[in-house]
Amino acid sequence: MKDRFNRNITYLRISVTDRCNLRCTYCMPENGVECLTHSDLLTFEEIADFTKCAVSLGINKVRLTGGEPLVRKGITDLVRMIWNIEGVKDLSMTTNAVLLKQFAAQLKEAGLKRLNISLDTVDRDKFIQISRRDLLPDVLEGIDEAINCGFDKIKLNCVVEKNRNEPNALAVAEYAGSKELDVRFIRTMNLDTGEFWVVDGGIGGDCSICNRIRLSAKGDVLPCLFSDIGFSVREFGACEAIKMAVESKPQKGTLSRSHEFYNVGG
């Protein structure tokens, strides 16, 4: 499945919820947001059916995101449903790890292969300042549990203001080295103004090789994070919405005034 610029679209990111148990300053207001109602959210069956259609069109890599995906009730059931779809070769999740100690073993058993864990600091006071929650011990325990469970790959995602040489980033890098984990440094982005950069340690943000589409928690297929374009699965049907999104995928991201990181998965 190729777009107008000959990029082969093989990667699907699925936001399963817009809810989160943190209130990170760069992502969500301190008092939270008005969340989607239960009926607005795609059901697990709708997500699984959508994924089957996506796979039939060429998708083989799936990542579950949020909000925070582990706050969605029954998330391990969805992991199992997606992993059992023939043609899914890679299944991963982005999480803040607050609930990972509780869910790591279940996720591994259900078929999850890889984890990207958000960790912007290993200093407890700074963690509280950034996330507005005193939950760093839970995060670190969750990381240890995930390591013990033996996932194929665990990466840390560290948001930075400018680069990896900032004090928080250096401390996270040292922590990652002590755990033999990879770390990626993600410069703070702004959807409203279209500010984004290529991820340091990854390929995200490099529009020339972008191979992904996104499914929002309410069922819109998004061709690009930095675009207001979206096609409703419930309105157009899964396969048609996917085809429309791929055909509309821009050569380069611009900006988005209708999306937020907490409801499209970052």
C-alpha atoms as a PDB file:
ATOM      1  CA  MET A   1       0.000   0.000   0.000  1.00  0.00           C
ATOM      2  CA  LYS A   2       1.814   3.096  -1.248  1.00  0.00           C
ATOM      3  CA  ASP A   3       0.931   6.754  -0.971  1.00  0.00           C
ATOM      4  CA  ARG A   4       1.285   9.455  -3.626  1.00  0.00           C
ATOM      5  CA  PHE A   5       4.959   9.884  -2.759  1.00  0.00           C
ATOM      6  CA  ASN A   6       5.825   6.192  -3.127  1.00  0.00           C
ATOM      7  CA  ARG A   7       6.143   5.589   0.609  1.00  0.00           C
ATOM      8  CA  ASN A   8       5.128   2.068   1.561  1.00  0.00           C
ATOM      9  CA  ILE A   9       2.572   2.301   4.387  1.00  0.00           C
ATOM     10  CA  THR A  10       3.067  -0.674   6.707  1.00  0.00           C
ATOM     11  CA  TYR A  11       2.733   0.777  10.217  1.00  0.00           C
ATOM     12  CA  LEU A  12      -0.481   1.428  12.160  1.00  0.00           C
ATOM     13  CA  ARG A  13      -0.629   3.316  15.444  1.00  0.00           C
ATOM     14  CA  ILE A  14      -3.857   2.822  17.400  1.00  0.00           C
ATOM     15  CA  SER A  15      -4.945   5.190  20.165  1.00  0.00           C
ATOM     16  CA  VAL A  16      -7.189   3.118  22.437  1.00  0.00           C
ATOM     17  CA  THR A  17      -8.146   5.912  24.852  1.00  0.00           C
ATOM     18  CA  ASP A  18      -7.742   9.641  25.450  1.00  0.00           C
ATOM     19  CA  ARG A  19      -7.514   9.125  29.224  1.00  0.00           C
ATOM     20  CA  CYS A  20      -4.258   9.204  31.169  1.00  0.00           C
ATOM     21  CA  ASN A  21      -3.137   8.800  34.787  1.00  0.00           C
ATOM     22  CA  LEU A  22      -0.474  11.526  34.414  1.00  0.00           C
ATOM     23  CA  ARG A  23      -0.834  15.227  33.566  1.00  0.00           C
ATOM     24  CA  CYS A  24       2.444  15.943  31.810  1.00  0.00           C
ATOM     25  CA  THR A  25       2.889  19.647  31.177  1.00  0.00           C
ATOM     26  CA  TYR A  26       3.625  19.229  27.450  1.00  0.00           C
ATOM     27  CA  CYS A  27       0.626  16.986  26.831  1.00  0.00           C
ATOM     28  CA  MET A  28      -2.377  17.701  29.037  1.00  0.00           C
ATOM     29  CA  PRO A  29      -3.820  20.502  31.201  1.00  0.00           C
ATOM     30  CA  GLU A  30      -3.399  20.149  34.962  1.00  0.00           C
ATOM     31  CA  ASN A  31      -7.105  19.464  35.513  1.00  0.00           C
ATOM     32  CA  GLY A  32      -7.329  17.018  32.631  1.00  0.00           C
ATOM     33  CA  VAL A  33      -9.668  17.271  29.663  1.00  0.00           C
ATOM     34  CA  GLU A  34     -13.231  16.381  28.802  1.00  0.00           C
ATOM     35  CA  CYS A  35     -12.795  12.762  27.782  1.00  0.00           C
ATOM     36  CA  LEU A  36     -14.689  10.826  25.161  1.00  0.00           C
ATOM     37  CA  THR A  37     -17.781   8.976  26.313  1.00  0.00           C
ATOM     38  CA  HIS A  38     -17.781   5.191  26.271  1.00  0.00           C
ATOM     39  CA  SER A  39     -20.016   5.162  23.190  1.00  0.00           C
ATOM     40  CA  ASP A  40     -17.636   7.492  21.350  1.00  0.00           C
ATOM     41  CA  LEU A  41     -14.691   5.116  21.812  1.00  0.00           C
ATOM     42  CA  LEU A  42     -14.186   2.353  19.299  1.00  0.00           C
ATOM     43  CA  THR A  43     -14.943  -1.041  20.826  1.00  0.00           C
ATOM     44  CA  PHE A  44     -12.265  -3.719  20.865  1.00  0.00           C
ATOM     45  CA  GLU A  45     -14.219  -5.565  18.188  1.00  0.00           C
ATOM     46  CA  GLU A  46     -14.234  -2.466  15.987  1.00  0.00           C
ATOM     47  CA  ILE A  47     -10.497  -2.000  16.520  1.00  0.00           C
ATOM     48  CA  ALA A  48      -9.788  -5.648  15.710  1.00  0.00           C
ATOM     49  CA  ASP A  49     -11.946  -5.542  12.572  1.00  0.00           C
ATOM     50  CA  PHE A  50     -10.211  -2.339  11.491  1.00  0.00           C
ATOM     51  CA  THR A  51      -6.809  -3.948  12.030  1.00  0.00           C
ATOM     52  CA  LYS A  52      -7.798  -6.977   9.955  1.00  0.00           C
ATOM     53  CA  CYS A  53      -8.711  -4.660   7.109  1.00  0.00           C
ATOM     54  CA  ALA A  54      -5.480  -2.689   7.535  1.00  0.00           C
ATOM     55  CA  VAL A  55      -3.436  -5.896   7.400  1.00  0.00           C
ATOM     56  CA  SER A  56      -5.235  -6.982   4.238  1.00  0.00           C
ATOM     57  CA  LEU A  57      -4.073  -3.705   2.669  1.00  0.00           C
ATOM     58  CA  GLY A  58      -0.430  -4.092   3.676  1.00  0.00           C
ATOM     59  CA  ILE A  59      -0.082  -3.128   7.354  1.00  0.00           C
ATOM     60  CA  ASN A  60       2.131  -5.544   9.318  1.00  0.00           C
ATOM     61  CA  LYS A  61       3.305  -3.479  12.303  1.00  0.00           C
ATOM     62  CA  VAL A  62       0.920  -2.249  15.020  1.00  0.00           C
ATOM     63  CA  ARG A  63       1.515  -0.055  18.068  1.00  0.00           C
ATOM     64  CA  LEU A  64      -1.047   0.629  20.792  1.00  0.00           C
ATOM     65  CA  THR A  65      -1.012   4.096  22.353  1.00  0.00           C
ATOM     66  CA  GLY A  66      -3.283   6.443  24.288  1.00  0.00           C
ATOM     67  CA  GLY A  67      -3.606   8.637  26.297  1.00  0.00           C
ATOM     68  CA  GLU A  68      -2.280   5.843  28.446  1.00  0.00           C
ATOM     69  CA  PRO A  69      -3.329   2.486  26.967  1.00  0.00           C
ATOM     70  CA  LEU A  70      -3.105   0.597  30.260  1.00  0.00           C
ATOM     71  CA  VAL A  71      -5.997   2.587  31.735  1.00  0.00           C
ATOM     72  CA  ARG A  72      -8.357   1.100  29.129  1.00  0.00           C
ATOM     73  CA  LYS A  73     -10.229  -1.733  30.824  1.00  0.00           C
ATOM     74  CA  GLY A  74      -9.467  -5.128  29.308  1.00  0.00           C
ATOM     75  CA  ILE A  75      -6.464  -3.917  27.304  1.00  0.00           C
ATOM     76  CA  THR A  76      -4.785  -7.324  27.421  1.00  0.00           C
ATOM     77  CA  ASP A  77      -7.827  -8.770  25.636  1.00  0.00           C
ATOM     78  CA  LEU A  78      -7.276  -6.318  22.789  1.00  0.00           C
ATOM     79  CA  VAL A  79      -3.587  -7.224  22.640  1.00  0.00           C
ATOM     80  CA  ARG A  80      -4.525 -10.881  22.272  1.00  0.00           C
ATOM     81  CA  MET A  81      -7.137 -10.116  19.602  1.00  0.00           C
ATOM     82  CA  ILE A  82      -4.670  -8.140  17.498  1.00  0.00           C
ATOM     83  CA  TRP A  83      -1.783 -10.572  17.890  1.00  0.00           C
ATOM     84  CA  ASN A  84      -4.040 -13.393  16.673  1.00  0.00           C
ATOM     85  CA  ILE A  85      -4.701 -11.549  13.397  1.00  0.00           C
ATOM     86  CA  GLU A  86      -2.781 -13.324  10.658  1.00  0.00           C
ATOM     87  CA  GLY A  87      -0.299 -10.949   9.082  1.00  0.00           C
ATOM     88  CA  VAL A  88       0.547  -8.901  12.185  1.00  0.00           C
ATOM     89  CA  LYS A  89       4.299  -9.377  12.465  1.00  0.00           C
ATOM     90  CA  ASP A  90       5.065  -6.859  15.195  1.00  0.00           C
ATOM     91  CA  LEU A  91       2.902  -5.643  18.090  1.00  0.00           C
ATOM     92  CA  SER A  92       4.109  -3.001  20.517  1.00  0.00           C
ATOM     93  CA  MET A  93       2.820  -0.449  23.008  1.00  0.00           C
ATOM     94  CA  THR A  94       3.773   3.019  24.204  1.00  0.00           C
ATOM     95  CA  THR A  95       3.101   3.429  27.935  1.00  0.00           C
ATOM     96  CA  ASN A  96       4.063   5.634  30.850  1.00  0.00           C
ATOM     97  CA  ALA A  97       4.618   2.428  32.881  1.00  0.00           C
ATOM     98  CA  VAL A  98       2.631   3.596  35.926  1.00  0.00           C
ATOM     99  CA  LEU A  99       0.511   0.412  35.717  1.00  0.00           C
ATOM    100  CA  LEU A 100       3.113  -1.768  34.025  1.00  0.00           C
ATOM    101  CA  LYS A 101       4.070  -3.743  37.125  1.00  0.00           C
ATOM    102  CA  GLN A 102       0.481  -4.996  37.229  1.00  0.00           C
ATOM    103  CA  PHE A 103       0.126  -5.699  33.516  1.00  0.00           C
ATOM    104  CA  ALA A 104       3.562  -6.620  32.131  1.00  0.00           C
ATOM    105  CA  ALA A 105       3.244 -10.391  32.472  1.00  0.00           C
ATOM    106  CA  GLN A 106      -0.308 -10.390  31.099  1.00  0.00           C
ATOM    107  CA  LEU A 107       0.720  -8.286  28.123  1.00  0.00           C
ATOM    108  CA  LYS A 108       3.652 -10.564  27.322  1.00  0.00           C
ATOM    109  CA  GLU A 109       1.454 -13.642  27.544  1.00  0.00           C
ATOM    110  CA  ALA A 110      -1.177 -12.018  25.302  1.00  0.00           C
ATOM    111  CA  GLY A 111       1.363 -11.449  22.523  1.00  0.00           C
ATOM    112  CA  LEU A 112       2.858  -7.996  23.030  1.00  0.00           C
ATOM    113  CA  LYS A 113       6.419  -8.021  21.701  1.00  0.00           C
ATOM    114  CA  ARG A 114       7.906  -4.595  22.412  1.00  0.00           C
ATOM    115  CA  LEU A 115       7.472  -1.627  24.741  1.00  0.00           C
ATOM    116  CA  ASN A 116       8.281   2.057  24.415  1.00  0.00           C
ATOM    117  CA  ILE A 117       8.214   3.579  27.890  1.00  0.00           C
ATOM    118  CA  SER A 118       7.980   7.317  28.484  1.00  0.00           C
ATOM    119  CA  LEU A 119      10.564   8.489  31.021  1.00  0.00           C
ATOM    120  CA  ASP A 120      11.575  12.146  31.039  1.00  0.00           C
ATOM    121  CA  THR A 121      13.507  12.143  34.322  1.00  0.00           C
ATOM    122  CA  VAL A 122      14.687   9.797  37.053  1.00  0.00           C
ATOM    123  CA  ASP A 123      14.558  12.515  39.695  1.00  0.00           C
ATOM    124  CA  ARG A 124      11.436  12.196  41.820  1.00  0.00           C
ATOM    125  CA  ASP A 125      10.898  15.930  42.381  1.00  0.00           C
ATOM    126  CA  LYS A 126      11.389  16.701  38.704  1.00  0.00           C
ATOM    127  CA  PHE A 127       9.033  13.860  37.791  1.00  0.00           C
ATOM    128  CA  ILE A 128       6.347  15.441  39.970  1.00  0.00           C
ATOM    129  CA  GLN A 129       6.996  18.806  38.348  1.00  0.00           C
ATOM    130  CA  ILE A 130       6.673  17.415  34.819  1.00  0.00           C
ATOM    131  CA  SER A 131       3.844  14.912  35.324  1.00  0.00           C
ATOM    132  CA  ARG A 132       2.033  16.616  38.239  1.00  0.00           C
ATOM    133  CA  ARG A 133       1.891  13.192  39.913  1.00  0.00           C
ATOM    134  CA  ASP A 134       4.173  11.495  42.474  1.00  0.00           C
ATOM    135  CA  LEU A 135       4.409   8.179  40.626  1.00  0.00           C
ATOM    136  CA  LEU A 136       8.067   7.743  39.645  1.00  0.00           C
ATOM    137  CA  PRO A 137       8.525   4.703  41.979  1.00  0.00           C
ATOM    138  CA  ASP A 138       5.614   2.975  40.211  1.00  0.00           C
ATOM    139  CA  VAL A 139       7.173   3.713  36.823  1.00  0.00           C
ATOM    140  CA  LEU A 140      10.582   2.322  37.809  1.00  0.00           C
ATOM    141  CA  GLU A 141       9.002  -0.798  39.322  1.00  0.00           C
ATOM    142  CA  GLY A 142       7.021  -1.243  36.112  1.00  0.00           C
ATOM    143  CA  ILE A 143      10.187  -1.026  34.028  1.00  0.00           C
ATOM    144  CA  ASP A 144      11.893  -3.637  36.204  1.00  0.00           C
ATOM    145  CA  GLU A 145       8.904  -5.950  35.874  1.00  0.00           C
ATOM    146  CA  ALA A 146       8.889  -5.539  32.091  1.00  0.00           C
ATOM    147  CA  ILE A 147      12.598  -6.403  31.969  1.00  0.00           C
ATOM    148  CA  ASN A 148      11.950  -9.508  34.062  1.00  0.00           C
ATOM    149  CA  CYS A 149       9.168 -10.582  31.697  1.00  0.00           C
ATOM    150  CA  GLY A 150      11.589 -10.711  28.762  1.00  0.00           C
ATOM    151  CA  PHE A 151       9.985  -8.549  26.084  1.00  0.00           C
ATOM    152  CA  ASP A 152      11.768  -8.630  22.737  1.00  0.00           C
ATOM    153  CA  LYS A 153      12.678  -4.951  23.061  1.00  0.00           C
ATOM    154  CA  ILE A 154      12.183  -2.168  25.583  1.00  0.00           C
ATOM    155  CA  LYS A 155      12.977   1.435  24.653  1.00  0.00           C
ATOM    156  CA  LEU A 156      12.751   4.558  26.773  1.00  0.00           C
ATOM    157  CA  ASN A 157      11.277   7.746  25.302  1.00  0.00           C
ATOM    158  CA  CYS A 158      12.673  10.913  26.888  1.00  0.00           C
ATOM    159  CA  VAL A 159      11.144  14.275  25.992  1.00  0.00           C
ATOM    160  CA  VAL A 160      13.716  17.081  25.925  1.00  0.00           C
ATOM    161  CA  GLU A 161      13.530  20.818  25.352  1.00  0.00           C
ATOM    162  CA  LYS A 162      16.381  20.913  22.835  1.00  0.00           C
ATOM    163  CA  ASN A 163      18.762  17.928  22.957  1.00  0.00           C
ATOM    164  CA  ARG A 164      20.161  14.904  24.801  1.00  0.00           C
ATOM    165  CA  ASN A 165      22.718  16.976  26.728  1.00  0.00           C
ATOM    166  CA  GLU A 166      20.185  18.380  29.180  1.00  0.00           C
ATOM    167  CA  PRO A 167      20.537  17.217  32.816  1.00  0.00           C
ATOM    168  CA  ASN A 168      17.337  15.144  32.860  1.00  0.00           C
ATOM    169  CA  ALA A 169      18.240  13.496  29.553  1.00  0.00           C
ATOM    170  CA  LEU A 170      21.766  12.649  30.689  1.00  0.00           C
ATOM    171  CA  ALA A 171      20.407  11.035  33.854  1.00  0.00           C
ATOM    172  CA  VAL A 172      17.852   9.018  31.873  1.00  0.00           C
ATOM    173  CA  ALA A 173      20.607   7.882  29.504  1.00  0.00           C
ATOM    174  CA  GLU A 174      22.706   6.730  32.458  1.00  0.00           C
ATOM    175  CA  TYR A 175      19.732   4.876  33.914  1.00  0.00           C
ATOM    176  CA  ALA A 176      18.994   3.253  30.535  1.00  0.00           C
ATOM    177  CA  GLY A 177      22.612   2.102  30.281  1.00  0.00           C
ATOM    178  CA  SER A 178      22.420   0.529  33.733  1.00  0.00           C
ATOM    179  CA  LYS A 179      19.380  -1.466  32.598  1.00  0.00           C
ATOM    180  CA  GLU A 180      20.762  -2.193  29.093  1.00  0.00           C
ATOM    181  CA  LEU A 181      17.853  -0.359  27.502  1.00  0.00           C
ATOM    182  CA  ASP A 182      17.807   1.822  24.394  1.00  0.00           C
ATOM    183  CA  VAL A 183      16.704   5.441  24.792  1.00  0.00           C
ATOM    184  CA  ARG A 184      15.292   7.911  22.284  1.00  0.00           C
ATOM    185  CA  PHE A 185      15.255  11.660  22.832  1.00  0.00           C
ATOM    186  CA  ILE A 186      12.169  13.439  21.520  1.00  0.00           C
ATOM    187  CA  ARG A 187      12.317  17.203  21.263  1.00  0.00           C
ATOM    188  CA  THR A 188       9.150  18.921  22.472  1.00  0.00           C
ATOM    189  CA  MET A 189       6.719  19.287  19.572  1.00  0.00           C
ATOM    190  CA  ASN A 190       3.864  21.719  18.999  1.00  0.00           C
ATOM    191  CA  LEU A 191       0.875  20.633  16.935  1.00  0.00           C
ATOM    192  CA  ASP A 192      -0.566  24.149  16.700  1.00  0.00           C
ATOM    193  CA  THR A 193       2.556  25.671  15.177  1.00  0.00           C
ATOM    194  CA  GLY A 194       3.851  22.628  13.343  1.00  0.00           C
ATOM    195  CA  GLU A 195       7.118  22.400  15.232  1.00  0.00           C
ATOM    196  CA  PHE A 196       8.653  18.920  15.110  1.00  0.00           C
ATOM    197  CA  TRP A 197      12.045  17.319  14.640  1.00  0.00           C
ATOM    198  CA  VAL A 198      13.486  13.918  13.792  1.00  0.00           C
ATOM    199  CA  VAL A 199      13.749  11.780  16.919  1.00  0.00           C
ATOM    200  CA  ASP A 200      17.297  11.463  18.267  1.00  0.00           C
ATOM    201  CA  GLY A 201      17.878   7.713  18.330  1.00  0.00           C
ATOM    202  CA  GLY A 202      14.945   6.888  16.041  1.00  0.00           C
ATOM    203  CA  ILE A 203      13.359   7.776  12.712  1.00  0.00           C
ATOM    204  CA  GLY A 204      10.126   9.406  13.873  1.00  0.00           C
ATOM    205  CA  GLY A 205       9.668  12.879  12.438  1.00  0.00           C
ATOM    206  CA  ASP A 206      11.472  12.095   9.167  1.00  0.00           C
ATOM    207  CA  CYS A 207       8.631  12.753   6.750  1.00  0.00           C
ATOM    208  CA  SER A 208      10.543  11.453   3.728  1.00  0.00           C
ATOM    209  CA  ILE A 209      10.346   7.859   5.017  1.00  0.00           C
ATOM    210  CA  CYS A 210       7.125   8.010   7.052  1.00  0.00           C
ATOM    211  CA  ASN A 211       5.337   4.679   6.722  1.00  0.00           C
ATOM    212  CA  ARG A 212       2.487   5.128   9.219  1.00  0.00           C
ATOM    213  CA  ILE A 213      -1.162   5.933   9.548  1.00  0.00           C
ATOM    214  CA  ARG A 214      -3.030   6.428  12.811  1.00  0.00           C
ATOM    215  CA  LEU A 215      -6.376   5.396  14.245  1.00  0.00           C
ATOM    216  CA  SER A 216      -7.698   7.794  16.869  1.00  0.00           C
ATOM    217  CA  ALA A 217      -9.611   6.654  19.934  1.00  0.00           C
ATOM    218  CA  LYS A 218     -12.895   7.813  18.415  1.00  0.00           C
ATOM    219  CA  GLY A 219     -12.271   6.115  15.084  1.00  0.00           C
ATOM    220  CA  ASP A 220     -10.719   8.646  12.740  1.00  0.00           C
ATOM    221  CA  VAL A 221      -7.978   7.412  10.407  1.00  0.00           C
ATOM    222  CA  LEU A 222      -5.263  10.057  10.329  1.00  0.00           C
ATOM    223  CA  PRO A 223      -2.666  10.164   7.544  1.00  0.00           C
ATOM    224  CA  CYS A 224      -0.353  12.455   9.527  1.00  0.00           C
ATOM    225  CA  LEU A 225      -0.003  13.668  13.115  1.00  0.00           C
ATOM    226  CA  PHE A 226       0.677  17.218  11.896  1.00  0.00           C
ATOM    227  CA  SER A 227      -2.454  17.527   9.787  1.00  0.00           C
ATOM    228  CA  ASP A 228      -6.167  18.069  10.447  1.00  0.00           C
ATOM    229  CA  ILE A 229      -7.168  15.475   7.868  1.00  0.00           C
ATOM    230  CA  GLY A 230      -9.073  12.457   9.168  1.00  0.00           C
ATOM    231  CA  PHE A 231     -11.621   9.923   7.920  1.00  0.00           C
ATOM    232  CA  SER A 232     -14.192   8.311  10.211  1.00  0.00           C
ATOM    233  CA  VAL A 233     -14.257   4.531  10.290  1.00  0.00           C
ATOM    234  CA  ARG A 234     -17.889   4.583  11.370  1.00  0.00           C
ATOM    235  CA  GLU A 235     -18.827   6.872   8.499  1.00  0.00           C
ATOM    236  CA  PHE A 236     -16.802   5.421   5.629  1.00  0.00           C
ATOM    237  CA  GLY A 237     -16.011   1.895   6.794  1.00  0.00           C
ATOM    238  CA  ALA A 238     -12.552   0.648   7.750  1.00  0.00           C
ATOM    239  CA  CYS A 239     -11.047  -0.192   4.373  1.00  0.00           C
ATOM    240  CA  GLU A 240     -12.369   2.897   2.611  1.00  0.00           C
ATOM    241  CA  ALA A 241     -11.210   5.179   5.433  1.00  0.00           C
ATOM    242  CA  ILE A 242      -7.734   3.644   5.252  1.00  0.00           C
ATOM    243  CA  LYS A 243      -7.532   4.080   1.486  1.00  0.00           C
ATOM    244  CA  MET A 244      -8.700   7.695   1.748  1.00  0.00           C
ATOM    245  CA  ALA A 245      -6.144   8.431   4.457  1.00  0.00           C
ATOM    246  CA  VAL A 246      -3.275   6.923   2.481  1.00  0.00           C
ATOM    247  CA  GLU A 247      -4.302   8.809  -0.652  1.00  0.00           C
ATOM    248  CA  SER A 248      -4.431  12.039   1.390  1.00  0.00           C
ATOM    249  CA  LYS A 249      -1.124  11.557   3.193  1.00  0.00           C
ATOM    250  CA  PRO A 250       0.854  14.804   2.797  1.00  0.00           C
ATOM    251  CA  GLN A 251       4.465  14.889   1.695  1.00  0.00           C
ATOM    252  CA  LYS A 252       5.330  16.676   4.913  1.00  0.00           C
ATOM    253  CA  GLY A 253       3.540  17.486   8.160  1.00  0.00           C
ATOM    254  CA  THR A 254       2.360  21.069   8.642  1.00  0.00           C
ATOM    255  CA  LEU A 255       0.250  21.673  11.767  1.00  0.00           C
ATOM    256  CA  SER A 256      -2.911  20.474  13.479  1.00  0.00           C
ATOM    257  CA  ARG A 257      -5.529  22.503  15.305  1.00  0.00           C
ATOM    258  CA  SER A 258      -7.994  19.625  15.792  1.00  0.00           C
ATOM    259  CA  HIS A 259      -5.766  16.965  17.403  1.00  0.00           C
ATOM    260  CA  GLU A 260      -3.954  16.705  20.705  1.00  0.00           C
ATOM    261  CA  PHE A 261      -1.154  14.321  21.688  1.00  0.00           C
ATOM    262  CA  TYR A 262      -3.352  12.685  24.336  1.00  0.00           C
ATOM    263  CA  ASN A 263      -5.987  11.599  21.807  1.00  0.00           C
ATOM    264  CA  VAL A 264      -3.888  10.619  18.791  1.00  0.00           C
ATOM    265  CA  GLY A 265      -1.019   8.848  20.500  1.00  0.00           C
ATOM    266  CA  GLY A 266       1.882  11.226  19.865  1.00  0.00           C
END
